[in-house]
PDB file of N, CA and C in Angstrom:
ATOM      1  N   GLN A   1     -33.346 -29.377  22.102  1.00  0.00           N
ATOM      2  CA  GLN A   1     -33.225 -28.430  20.882  1.00  0.00           C
ATOM      3  C   GLN A   1     -32.323 -27.358  21.144  1.00  0.00           C
ATOM      4  N   LYS A   2     -31.413 -27.051  20.231  1.00  0.00           N
ATOM      5  CA  LYS A   2     -30.469 -26.000  20.431  1.00  0.00           C
ATOM      6  C   LYS A   2     -31.071 -24.667  20.175  1.00  0.00           C
ATOM      7  N   GLN A   3     -30.817 -23.790  21.179  1.00  0.00           N
ATOM      8  CA  GLN A   3     -31.294 -22.475  21.037  1.00  0.00           C
ATOM      9  C   GLN A   3     -30.267 -21.542  20.478  1.00  0.00           C
ATOM     10  N   THR A   4     -30.587 -20.505  19.628  1.00  0.00           N
ATOM     11  CA  THR A   4     -29.718 -19.491  19.175  1.00  0.00           C
ATOM     12  C   THR A   4     -30.365 -18.167  19.578  1.00  0.00           C
ATOM     13  N   VAL A   5     -29.449 -17.286  19.943  1.00  0.00           N
ATOM     14  CA  VAL A   5     -29.892 -15.846  20.352  1.00  0.00           C
ATOM     15  C   VAL A   5     -29.055 -15.003  19.585  1.00  0.00           C
ATOM     16  N   THR A   6     -29.452 -13.674  19.569  1.00  0.00           N
ATOM     17  CA  THR A   6     -28.726 -12.691  18.937  1.00  0.00           C
ATOM     18  C   THR A   6     -28.226 -11.874  20.022  1.00  0.00           C
ATOM     19  N   SER A   7     -26.864 -11.659  20.052  1.00  0.00           N
ATOM     20  CA  SER A   7     -26.184 -10.857  21.027  1.00  0.00           C
ATOM     21  C   SER A   7     -26.315  -9.365  20.552  1.00  0.00           C
ATOM     22  N   VAL A   8     -26.904  -8.538  21.335  1.00  0.00           N
ATOM     23  CA  VAL A   8     -27.209  -7.174  20.997  1.00  0.00           C
ATOM     24  C   VAL A   8     -26.401  -6.228  22.060  1.00  0.00           C
ATOM     25  N   SER A   9     -25.609  -5.412  21.453  1.00  0.00           N
ATOM     26  CA  SER A   9     -24.973  -4.381  22.318  1.00  0.00           C
ATOM     27  C   SER A   9     -25.438  -2.905  21.872  1.00  0.00           C
ATOM     28  N   ASN A  10     -26.024  -2.245  22.803  1.00  0.00           N
ATOM     29  CA  ASN A  10     -26.389  -0.892  22.613  1.00  0.00           C
ATOM     30  C   ASN A  10     -25.388   0.094  23.183  1.00  0.00           C
ATOM     31  N   ILE A  11     -24.867   0.884  22.381  1.00  0.00           N
ATOM     32  CA  ILE A  11     -23.811   1.726  22.775  1.00  0.00           C
ATOM     33  C   ILE A  11     -23.922   3.202  22.310  1.00  0.00           C
ATOM     34  N   SER A  12     -23.130   4.129  22.899  1.00  0.00           N
ATOM     35  CA  SER A  12     -23.134   5.502  22.422  1.00  0.00           C
ATOM     36  C   SER A  12     -21.801   5.928  22.117  1.00  0.00           C
ATOM     37  N   ILE A  13     -21.730   6.390  20.835  1.00  0.00           N
ATOM     38  CA  ILE A  13     -20.371   6.881  20.334  1.00  0.00           C
ATOM     39  C   ILE A  13     -20.589   8.303  19.966  1.00  0.00           C
ATOM     40  N   ASN A  14     -19.744   9.097  20.664  1.00  0.00           N
ATOM     41  CA  ASN A  14     -19.781  10.700  20.452  1.00  0.00           C
ATOM     42  C   ASN A  14     -21.315  11.158  20.461  1.00  0.00           C
ATOM     43  N   GLY A  15     -21.949  10.636  21.439  1.00  0.00           N
ATOM     44  CA  GLY A  15     -23.375  11.126  21.644  1.00  0.00           C
ATOM     45  C   GLY A  15     -24.405  10.449  20.718  1.00  0.00           C
ATOM     46  N   THR A  16     -24.023   9.575  19.819  1.00  0.00           N
ATOM     47  CA  THR A  16     -24.914   8.892  18.943  1.00  0.00           C
ATOM     48  C   THR A  16     -25.205   7.479  19.474  1.00  0.00           C
ATOM     49  N   ASP A  17     -26.444   7.109  19.458  1.00  0.00           N
ATOM     50  CA  ASP A  17     -26.821   5.779  19.952  1.00  0.00           C
ATOM     51  C   ASP A  17     -26.559   4.789  18.743  1.00  0.00           C
ATOM     52  N   ALA A  18     -25.785   3.753  19.002  1.00  0.00           N
ATOM     53  CA  ALA A  18     -25.349   2.746  17.974  1.00  0.00           C
ATOM     54  C   ALA A  18     -25.758   1.378  18.485  1.00  0.00           C
ATOM     55  N   GLN A  19     -25.708   0.368  17.623  1.00  0.00           N
ATOM     56  CA  GLN A  19     -26.016  -1.023  17.998  1.00  0.00           C
ATOM     57  C   GLN A  19     -25.127  -2.041  17.236  1.00  0.00           C
ATOM     58  N   ILE A  20     -24.673  -3.079  17.842  1.00  0.00           N
ATOM     59  CA  ILE A  20     -23.980  -4.139  17.169  1.00  0.00           C
ATOM     60  C   ILE A  20     -24.782  -5.359  17.545  1.00  0.00           C
ATOM     61  N   LYS A  21     -25.340  -6.122  16.485  1.00  0.00           N
ATOM     62  CA  LYS A  21     -25.994  -7.417  16.733  1.00  0.00           C
ATOM     63  C   LYS A  21     -25.067  -8.370  16.211  1.00  0.00           C
ATOM     64  N   ILE A  22     -24.806  -9.439  16.951  1.00  0.00           N
ATOM     65  CA  ILE A  22     -24.030 -10.600  16.477  1.00  0.00           C
ATOM     66  C   ILE A  22     -24.910 -11.800  16.403  1.00  0.00           C
ATOM     67  N   GLN A  23     -24.941 -12.592  15.186  1.00  0.00           N
ATOM     68  CA  GLN A  23     -25.758 -13.677  15.075  1.00  0.00           C
ATOM     69  C   GLN A  23     -25.058 -14.600  14.180  1.00  0.00           C
ATOM     70  N   PRO A  24     -25.297 -15.981  14.262  1.00  0.00           N
ATOM     71  CA  PRO A  24     -26.017 -16.473  15.259  1.00  0.00           C
ATOM     72  C   PRO A  24     -25.189 -16.627  16.568  1.00  0.00           C
ATOM     73  N   ASN A  25     -25.709 -16.773  17.682  1.00  0.00           N
ATOM     74  CA  ASN A  25     -24.939 -17.052  18.977  1.00  0.00           C
ATOM     75  C   ASN A  25     -25.712 -18.103  19.714  1.00  0.00           C
ATOM     76  N   PRO A  26     -25.274 -19.322  19.745  1.00  0.00           N
ATOM     77  CA  PRO A  26     -23.968 -19.828  19.527  1.00  0.00           C
ATOM     78  C   PRO A  26     -23.731 -19.873  18.074  1.00  0.00           C
ATOM     79  N   ILE A  27     -22.344 -19.923  17.818  1.00  0.00           N
ATOM     80  CA  ILE A  27     -21.828 -20.164  16.345  1.00  0.00           C
ATOM     81  C   ILE A  27     -21.570 -21.498  16.176  1.00  0.00           C
ATOM     82  N   SER A  28     -21.778 -22.143  15.009  1.00  0.00           N
ATOM     83  CA  SER A  28     -21.676 -23.500  14.763  1.00  0.00           C
ATOM     84  C   SER A  28     -20.627 -23.725  13.564  1.00  0.00           C
ATOM     85  N   ASN A  29     -20.387 -22.698  12.852  1.00  0.00           N
ATOM     86  CA  ASN A  29     -19.520 -22.926  11.586  1.00  0.00           C
ATOM     87  C   ASN A  29     -18.359 -21.967  11.512  1.00  0.00           C
ATOM     88  N   ASN A  30     -17.768 -21.391  12.688  1.00  0.00           N
ATOM     89  CA  ASN A  30     -16.653 -20.463  12.715  1.00  0.00           C
ATOM     90  C   ASN A  30     -16.947 -19.135  11.912  1.00  0.00           C
ATOM     91  N   THR A  31     -18.194 -18.869  11.726  1.00  0.00           N
ATOM     92  CA  THR A  31     -18.559 -17.607  11.011  1.00  0.00           C
ATOM     93  C   THR A  31     -19.523 -16.729  11.828  1.00  0.00           C
ATOM     94  N   ILE A  32     -19.178 -15.495  12.046  1.00  0.00           N
ATOM     95  CA  ILE A  32     -20.184 -14.623  12.746  1.00  0.00           C
ATOM     96  C   ILE A  32     -20.707 -13.594  11.588  1.00  0.00           C
ATOM     97  N   GLN A  33     -21.953 -13.216  11.757  1.00  0.00           N
ATOM     98  CA  GLN A  33     -22.542 -12.063  11.111  1.00  0.00           C
ATOM     99  C   GLN A  33     -22.947 -11.037  12.017  1.00  0.00           C
ATOM    100  N   THR A  34     -22.713  -9.733  11.471  1.00  0.00           N
ATOM    101  CA  THR A  34     -23.131  -8.681  12.514  1.00  0.00           C
ATOM    102  C   THR A  34     -23.906  -7.759  11.645  1.00  0.00           C
ATOM    103  N   GLN A  35     -24.852  -7.056  12.413  1.00  0.00           N
ATOM    104  CA  GLN A  35     -25.571  -5.958  11.871  1.00  0.00           C
ATOM    105  C   GLN A  35     -25.114  -4.713  12.624  1.00  0.00           C
ATOM    106  N   LEU A  36     -24.647  -3.716  12.031  1.00  0.00           N
ATOM    107  CA  LEU A  36     -24.099  -2.613  12.600  1.00  0.00           C
ATOM    108  C   LEU A  36     -25.013  -1.397  12.306  1.00  0.00           C
ATOM    109  N   THR A  37     -25.579  -0.830  13.396  1.00  0.00           N
ATOM    110  CA  THR A  37     -26.521   0.329  13.277  1.00  0.00           C
ATOM    111  C   THR A  37     -25.999   1.569  13.873  1.00  0.00           C
ATOM    112  N   ASN A  38     -25.903   2.615  13.059  1.00  0.00           N
ATOM    113  CA  ASN A  38     -25.414   3.973  13.459  1.00  0.00           C
ATOM    114  C   ASN A  38     -23.951   3.899  13.863  1.00  0.00           C
ATOM    115  N   LEU A  39     -23.183   2.951  13.458  1.00  0.00           N
ATOM    116  CA  LEU A  39     -21.821   2.871  13.752  1.00  0.00           C
ATOM    117  C   LEU A  39     -21.054   3.788  12.717  1.00  0.00           C
ATOM    118  N   PRO A  40     -20.243   4.676  13.280  1.00  0.00           N
ATOM    119  CA  PRO A  40     -19.490   5.681  12.408  1.00  0.00           C
ATOM    120  C   PRO A  40     -18.594   4.884  11.255  1.00  0.00           C
ATOM    121  N   ALA A  41     -18.628   5.321  10.052  1.00  0.00           N
ATOM    122  CA  ALA A  41     -17.757   4.750   9.046  1.00  0.00           C
ATOM    123  C   ALA A  41     -16.364   4.935   9.533  1.00  0.00           C
ATOM    124  N   GLY A  42     -15.575   3.886   9.187  1.00  0.00           N
ATOM    125  CA  GLY A  42     -14.118   4.034   9.474  1.00  0.00           C
ATOM    126  C   GLY A  42     -13.676   2.585   9.727  1.00  0.00           C
ATOM    127  N   LYS A  43     -12.352   2.474  10.152  1.00  0.00           N
ATOM    128  CA  LYS A  43     -11.685   1.185  10.392  1.00  0.00           C
ATOM    129  C   LYS A  43     -11.893   0.657  11.812  1.00  0.00           C
ATOM    130  N   TYR A  44     -12.195  -0.506  11.917  1.00  0.00           N
ATOM    131  CA  TYR A  44     -12.422  -1.126  13.231  1.00  0.00           C
ATOM    132  C   TYR A  44     -11.471  -2.528  13.310  1.00  0.00           C
ATOM    133  N   THR A  45     -10.957  -2.724  14.506  1.00  0.00           N
ATOM    134  CA  THR A  45     -10.375  -4.054  14.691  1.00  0.00           C
ATOM    135  C   THR A  45     -11.250  -4.875  15.438  1.00  0.00           C
ATOM    136  N   ILE A  46     -11.416  -6.103  15.242  1.00  0.00           N
ATOM    137  CA  ILE A  46     -12.115  -7.061  15.986  1.00  0.00           C
ATOM    138  C   ILE A  46     -11.262  -8.258  16.291  1.00  0.00           C
ATOM    139  N   THR A  47     -10.976  -8.443  17.558  1.00  0.00           N
ATOM    140  CA  THR A  47     -10.095  -9.376  18.175  1.00  0.00           C
ATOM    141  C   THR A  47     -10.896 -10.448  18.863  1.00  0.00           C
ATOM    142  N   LEU A  48     -10.532 -11.737  18.653  1.00  0.00           N
ATOM    143  CA  LEU A  48     -11.098 -12.923  19.324  1.00  0.00           C
ATOM    144  C   LEU A  48     -10.232 -13.394  20.499  1.00  0.00           C
ATOM    145  N   TYR A  49     -10.732 -13.518  21.661  1.00  0.00           N
ATOM    146  CA  TYR A  49      -9.932 -14.098  22.784  1.00  0.00           C
ATOM    147  C   TYR A  49     -10.747 -15.272  23.402  1.00  0.00           C
ATOM    148  N   ASP A  50     -10.041 -16.113  24.016  1.00  0.00           N
ATOM    149  CA  ASP A  50     -10.756 -17.204  24.764  1.00  0.00           C
ATOM    150  C   ASP A  50     -11.398 -16.505  26.014  1.00  0.00           C
ATOM    151  N   ILE A  51     -12.030 -17.354  26.802  1.00  0.00           N
ATOM    152  CA  ILE A  51     -12.721 -16.656  27.969  1.00  0.00           C
ATOM    153  C   ILE A  51     -11.837 -16.277  29.017  1.00  0.00           C
ATOM    154  N   ASN A  52     -10.539 -16.714  29.038  1.00  0.00           N
ATOM    155  CA  ASN A  52      -9.392 -16.326  29.956  1.00  0.00           C
ATOM    156  C   ASN A  52      -8.623 -15.209  29.441  1.00  0.00           C
ATOM    157  N   GLY A  53      -9.031 -14.638  28.306  1.00  0.00           N
ATOM    158  CA  GLY A  53      -8.321 -13.384  27.730  1.00  0.00           C
ATOM    159  C   GLY A  53      -7.137 -13.708  26.847  1.00  0.00           C
ATOM    160  N   LYS A  54      -6.929 -15.063  26.549  1.00  0.00           N
ATOM    161  CA  LYS A  54      -5.908 -15.390  25.600  1.00  0.00           C
ATOM    162  C   LYS A  54      -6.163 -15.055  24.155  1.00  0.00           C
ATOM    163  N   TYR A  55      -5.253 -14.263  23.567  1.00  0.00           N
ATOM    164  CA  TYR A  55      -5.502 -13.845  22.132  1.00  0.00           C
ATOM    165  C   TYR A  55      -5.576 -15.167  21.218  1.00  0.00           C
ATOM    166  N   ILE A  56      -6.571 -15.031  20.289  1.00  0.00           N
ATOM    167  CA  ILE A  56      -6.710 -16.241  19.305  1.00  0.00           C
ATOM    168  C   ILE A  56      -6.455 -15.772  17.957  1.00  0.00           C
ATOM    169  N   THR A  57      -7.228 -14.597  17.449  1.00  0.00           N
ATOM    170  CA  THR A  57      -7.033 -14.119  16.070  1.00  0.00           C
ATOM    171  C   THR A  57      -7.636 -12.639  15.999  1.00  0.00           C
ATOM    172  N   GLN A  58      -7.435 -12.050  14.956  1.00  0.00           N
ATOM    173  CA  GLN A  58      -8.145 -10.716  14.821  1.00  0.00           C
ATOM    174  C   GLN A  58      -8.285 -10.397  13.354  1.00  0.00           C
ATOM    175  N   THR A  59      -9.141  -9.414  13.081  1.00  0.00           N
ATOM    176  CA  THR A  59      -9.298  -8.834  11.718  1.00  0.00           C
ATOM    177  C   THR A  59      -9.516  -7.430  11.825  1.00  0.00           C
ATOM    178  N   THR A  60      -9.296  -6.785  10.664  1.00  0.00           N
ATOM    179  CA  THR A  60      -9.690  -5.302  10.683  1.00  0.00           C
ATOM    180  C   THR A  60     -10.895  -5.282   9.613  1.00  0.00           C
ATOM    181  N   TYR A  61     -11.645  -4.264   9.775  1.00  0.00           N
ATOM    182  CA  TYR A  61     -12.892  -4.068   9.038  1.00  0.00           C
ATOM    183  C   TYR A  61     -13.039  -2.459   8.667  1.00  0.00           C
ATOM    184  N   GLN A  62     -13.105  -2.349   7.424  1.00  0.00           N
ATOM    185  CA  GLN A  62     -13.421  -0.933   6.959  1.00  0.00           C
ATOM    186  C   GLN A  62     -14.943  -0.792   6.907  1.00  0.00           C
ATOM    187  N   HIS A  63     -15.601  -0.208   7.917  1.00  0.00           N
ATOM    188  CA  HIS A  63     -16.944  -0.123   8.020  1.00  0.00           C
ATOM    189  C   HIS A  63     -17.454   0.889   6.966  1.00  0.00           C
ATOM    190  N   SER A  64     -18.345   0.639   6.102  1.00  0.00           N
ATOM    191  CA  SER A  64     -19.117   1.536   5.335  1.00  0.00           C
ATOM    192  C   SER A  64     -20.562   1.190   5.036  1.00  0.00           C
ATOM    193  N   ASN A  65     -21.004   0.026   5.391  1.00  0.00           N
ATOM    194  CA  ASN A  65     -22.403  -0.484   5.353  1.00  0.00           C
ATOM    195  C   ASN A  65     -22.773  -1.086   6.709  1.00  0.00           C
ATOM    196  N   ASN A  66     -23.911  -1.698   6.688  1.00  0.00           N
ATOM    197  CA  ASN A  66     -24.506  -2.107   8.002  1.00  0.00           C
ATOM    198  C   ASN A  66     -24.224  -3.560   8.266  1.00  0.00           C
ATOM    199  N   HIS A  67     -23.511  -4.274   7.470  1.00  0.00           N
ATOM    200  CA  HIS A  67     -23.288  -5.774   7.710  1.00  0.00           C
ATOM    201  C   HIS A  67     -21.778  -6.056   7.648  1.00  0.00           C
ATOM    202  N   PHE A  68     -21.435  -7.039   8.577  1.00  0.00           N
ATOM    203  CA  PHE A  68     -19.947  -7.577   8.513  1.00  0.00           C
ATOM    204  C   PHE A  68     -20.026  -8.969   8.753  1.00  0.00           C
ATOM    205  N   LYS A  69     -19.434  -9.785   7.977  1.00  0.00           N
ATOM    206  CA  LYS A  69     -19.347 -11.215   8.218  1.00  0.00           C
ATOM    207  C   LYS A  69     -17.766 -11.624   8.289  1.00  0.00           C
ATOM    208  N   TRP A  70     -17.619 -12.436   9.277  1.00  0.00           N
ATOM    209  CA  TRP A  70     -16.157 -12.836   9.529  1.00  0.00           C
ATOM    210  C   TRP A  70     -16.059 -14.343   9.584  1.00  0.00           C
ATOM    211  N   GLN A  71     -15.376 -15.016   8.680  1.00  0.00           N
ATOM    212  CA  GLN A  71     -15.021 -16.439   8.831  1.00  0.00           C
ATOM    213  C   GLN A  71     -13.749 -16.539   9.603  1.00  0.00           C
ATOM    214  N   PHE A  72     -13.681 -17.093  10.774  1.00  0.00           N
ATOM    215  CA  PHE A  72     -12.533 -17.250  11.452  1.00  0.00           C
ATOM    216  C   PHE A  72     -11.529 -18.124  10.705  1.00  0.00           C
ATOM    217  N   PRO A  73     -10.182 -17.622  10.631  1.00  0.00           N
ATOM    218  CA  PRO A  73      -9.271 -18.248   9.800  1.00  0.00           C
ATOM    219  C   PRO A  73      -8.765 -19.632  10.337  1.00  0.00           C
ATOM    220  N   ILE A  74      -9.237 -19.927  11.646  1.00  0.00           N
ATOM    221  CA  ILE A  74      -8.763 -21.144  12.212  1.00  0.00           C
ATOM    222  C   ILE A  74      -9.891 -21.908  12.878  1.00  0.00           C
ATOM    223  N   ASN A  75      -9.882 -23.176  13.047  1.00  0.00           N
ATOM    224  CA  ASN A  75     -10.903 -23.891  13.586  1.00  0.00           C
ATOM    225  C   ASN A  75     -10.978 -23.598  15.141  1.00  0.00           C
ATOM    226  N   ILE A  76     -12.096 -23.246  15.710  1.00  0.00           N
ATOM    227  CA  ILE A  76     -12.206 -22.922  17.060  1.00  0.00           C
ATOM    228  C   ILE A  76     -13.046 -23.998  17.861  1.00  0.00           C
ATOM    229  N   ASN A  77     -12.510 -24.416  18.985  1.00  0.00           N
ATOM    230  CA  ASN A  77     -13.291 -25.394  19.741  1.00  0.00           C
ATOM    231  C   ASN A  77     -14.427 -24.931  20.386  1.00  0.00           C
ATOM    232  N   ASN A  78     -15.387 -25.714  20.928  1.00  0.00           N
ATOM    233  CA  ASN A  78     -16.492 -25.333  21.594  1.00  0.00           C
ATOM    234  C   ASN A  78     -16.140 -24.544  22.833  1.00  0.00           C
ATOM    235  N   GLY A  79     -16.922 -23.630  23.215  1.00  0.00           N
ATOM    236  CA  GLY A  79     -16.634 -22.792  24.386  1.00  0.00           C
ATOM    237  C   GLY A  79     -17.190 -21.295  24.266  1.00  0.00           C
ATOM    238  N   THR A  80     -16.842 -20.633  25.338  1.00  0.00           N
ATOM    239  CA  THR A  80     -17.282 -19.188  25.353  1.00  0.00           C
ATOM    240  C   THR A  80     -16.057 -18.330  25.029  1.00  0.00           C
ATOM    241  N   TYR A  81     -16.274 -17.404  24.222  1.00  0.00           N
ATOM    242  CA  TYR A  81     -15.188 -16.453  23.675  1.00  0.00           C
ATOM    243  C   TYR A  81     -15.590 -14.974  23.908  1.00  0.00           C
ATOM    244  N   LEU A  82     -14.558 -14.184  23.797  1.00  0.00           N
ATOM    245  CA  LEU A  82     -14.767 -12.792  23.800  1.00  0.00           C
ATOM    246  C   LEU A  82     -14.408 -12.082  22.460  1.00  0.00           C
ATOM    247  N   LEU A  83     -15.290 -11.219  21.928  1.00  0.00           N
ATOM    248  CA  LEU A  83     -14.943 -10.420  20.712  1.00  0.00           C
ATOM    249  C   LEU A  83     -14.683  -9.044  21.261  1.00  0.00           C
ATOM    250  N   LYS A  84     -13.591  -8.372  20.992  1.00  0.00           N
ATOM    251  CA  LYS A  84     -13.336  -7.065  21.334  1.00  0.00           C
ATOM    252  C   LYS A  84     -13.278  -6.243  20.058  1.00  0.00           C
ATOM    253  N   TRP A  85     -14.113  -5.132  20.084  1.00  0.00           N
ATOM    254  CA  TRP A  85     -14.259  -4.184  18.969  1.00  0.00           C
ATOM    255  C   TRP A  85     -13.631  -2.898  19.400  1.00  0.00           C
ATOM    256  N   THR A  86     -12.731  -2.445  18.637  1.00  0.00           N
ATOM    257  CA  THR A  86     -12.077  -1.168  18.858  1.00  0.00           C
ATOM    258  C   THR A  86     -11.901  -0.346  17.544  1.00  0.00           C
ATOM    259  N   GLY A  87     -11.912   1.058  17.676  1.00  0.00           N
ATOM    260  CA  GLY A  87     -11.691   1.990  16.530  1.00  0.00           C
ATOM    261  C   GLY A  87     -12.837   2.948  16.727  1.00  0.00           C
ATOM    262  N   ASN A  88     -12.423   4.172  16.130  1.00  0.00           N
ATOM    263  CA  ASN A  88     -13.384   5.213  16.052  1.00  0.00           C
ATOM    264  C   ASN A  88     -14.275   5.473  17.372  1.00  0.00           C
ATOM    265  N   ASN A  89     -13.438   5.637  18.481  1.00  0.00           N
ATOM    266  CA  ASN A  89     -13.973   5.808  19.853  1.00  0.00           C
ATOM    267  C   ASN A  89     -14.904   4.666  20.306  1.00  0.00           C
ATOM    268  N   LEU A  90     -14.776   3.640  19.744  1.00  0.00           N
ATOM    269  CA  LEU A  90     -15.423   2.335  20.213  1.00  0.00           C
ATOM    270  C   LEU A  90     -14.508   1.384  20.922  1.00  0.00           C
ATOM    271  N   ASN A  91     -14.906   0.894  22.083  1.00  0.00           N
ATOM    272  CA  ASN A  91     -14.095  -0.077  22.913  1.00  0.00           C
ATOM    273  C   ASN A  91     -15.232  -0.960  23.501  1.00  0.00           C
ATOM    274  N   LEU A  92     -15.509  -2.095  22.848  1.00  0.00           N
ATOM    275  CA  LEU A  92     -16.644  -2.926  23.332  1.00  0.00           C
ATOM    276  C   LEU A  92     -16.238  -4.336  23.239  1.00  0.00           C
ATOM    277  N   THR A  93     -16.668  -5.045  24.316  1.00  0.00           N
ATOM    278  CA  THR A  93     -16.358  -6.464  24.323  1.00  0.00           C
ATOM    279  C   THR A  93     -17.640  -7.236  24.376  1.00  0.00           C
ATOM    280  N   SER A  94     -17.817  -8.212  23.587  1.00  0.00           N
ATOM    281  CA  SER A  94     -19.116  -9.057  23.518  1.00  0.00           C
ATOM    282  C   SER A  94     -18.717 -10.470  23.750  1.00  0.00           C
ATOM    283  N   LYS A  95     -19.627 -11.244  24.315  1.00  0.00           N
ATOM    284  CA  LYS A  95     -19.438 -12.754  24.554  1.00  0.00           C
ATOM    285  C   LYS A  95     -19.985 -13.450  23.329  1.00  0.00           C
ATOM    286  N   ILE A  96     -19.414 -14.469  22.914  1.00  0.00           N
ATOM    287  CA  ILE A  96     -20.035 -15.404  21.927  1.00  0.00           C
ATOM    288  C   ILE A  96     -19.756 -16.846  22.342  1.00  0.00           C
ATOM    289  N   VAL A  97     -20.491 -17.635  21.921  1.00  0.00           N
ATOM    290  CA  VAL A  97     -20.454 -19.140  22.279  1.00  0.00           C
ATOM    291  C   VAL A  97     -20.263 -19.837  20.941  1.00  0.00           C
ATOM    292  N   VAL A  98     -19.453 -20.921  20.977  1.00  0.00           N
ATOM    293  CA  VAL A  98     -19.210 -21.746  19.881  1.00  0.00           C
ATOM    294  C   VAL A  98     -19.598 -23.130  20.313  1.00  0.00           C
ATOM    295  N   GLU A  99     -20.628 -23.668  19.447  1.00  0.00           N
ATOM    296  CA  GLU A  99     -21.230 -25.014  19.714  1.00  0.00           C
ATOM    297  C   GLU A  99     -21.216 -25.674  18.283  1.00  0.00           C
ATOM    298  N   LYS A 100     -20.498 -26.788  18.091  1.00  0.00           N
ATOM    299  CA  LYS A 100     -20.580 -27.564  16.870  1.00  0.00           C
ATOM    300  C   LYS A 100     -21.233 -28.854  17.027  1.00  0.00           C
TER     301      LYS A 100
END
């Protein structure tokens, strides 16, 4: 039976505790959903890399609520990937797994 987990990153931005939850993980349909708690409003860049650090794609997100959904614009093979979040004093890398 395939197990799914929620990837949770607890961070501090300008002294405020914040959290990014990525689900599902593993991803099966090239779409991630995130729940963003206490993340400052503003523009963020989310970049997808393969496990070796090779750039795959990226998007920008104007954060104003607690949810973000990203449908990758390309078909991604099974494997482990890195999501890098930057913007508003945030520099965070999370691991995700793709299993189809």
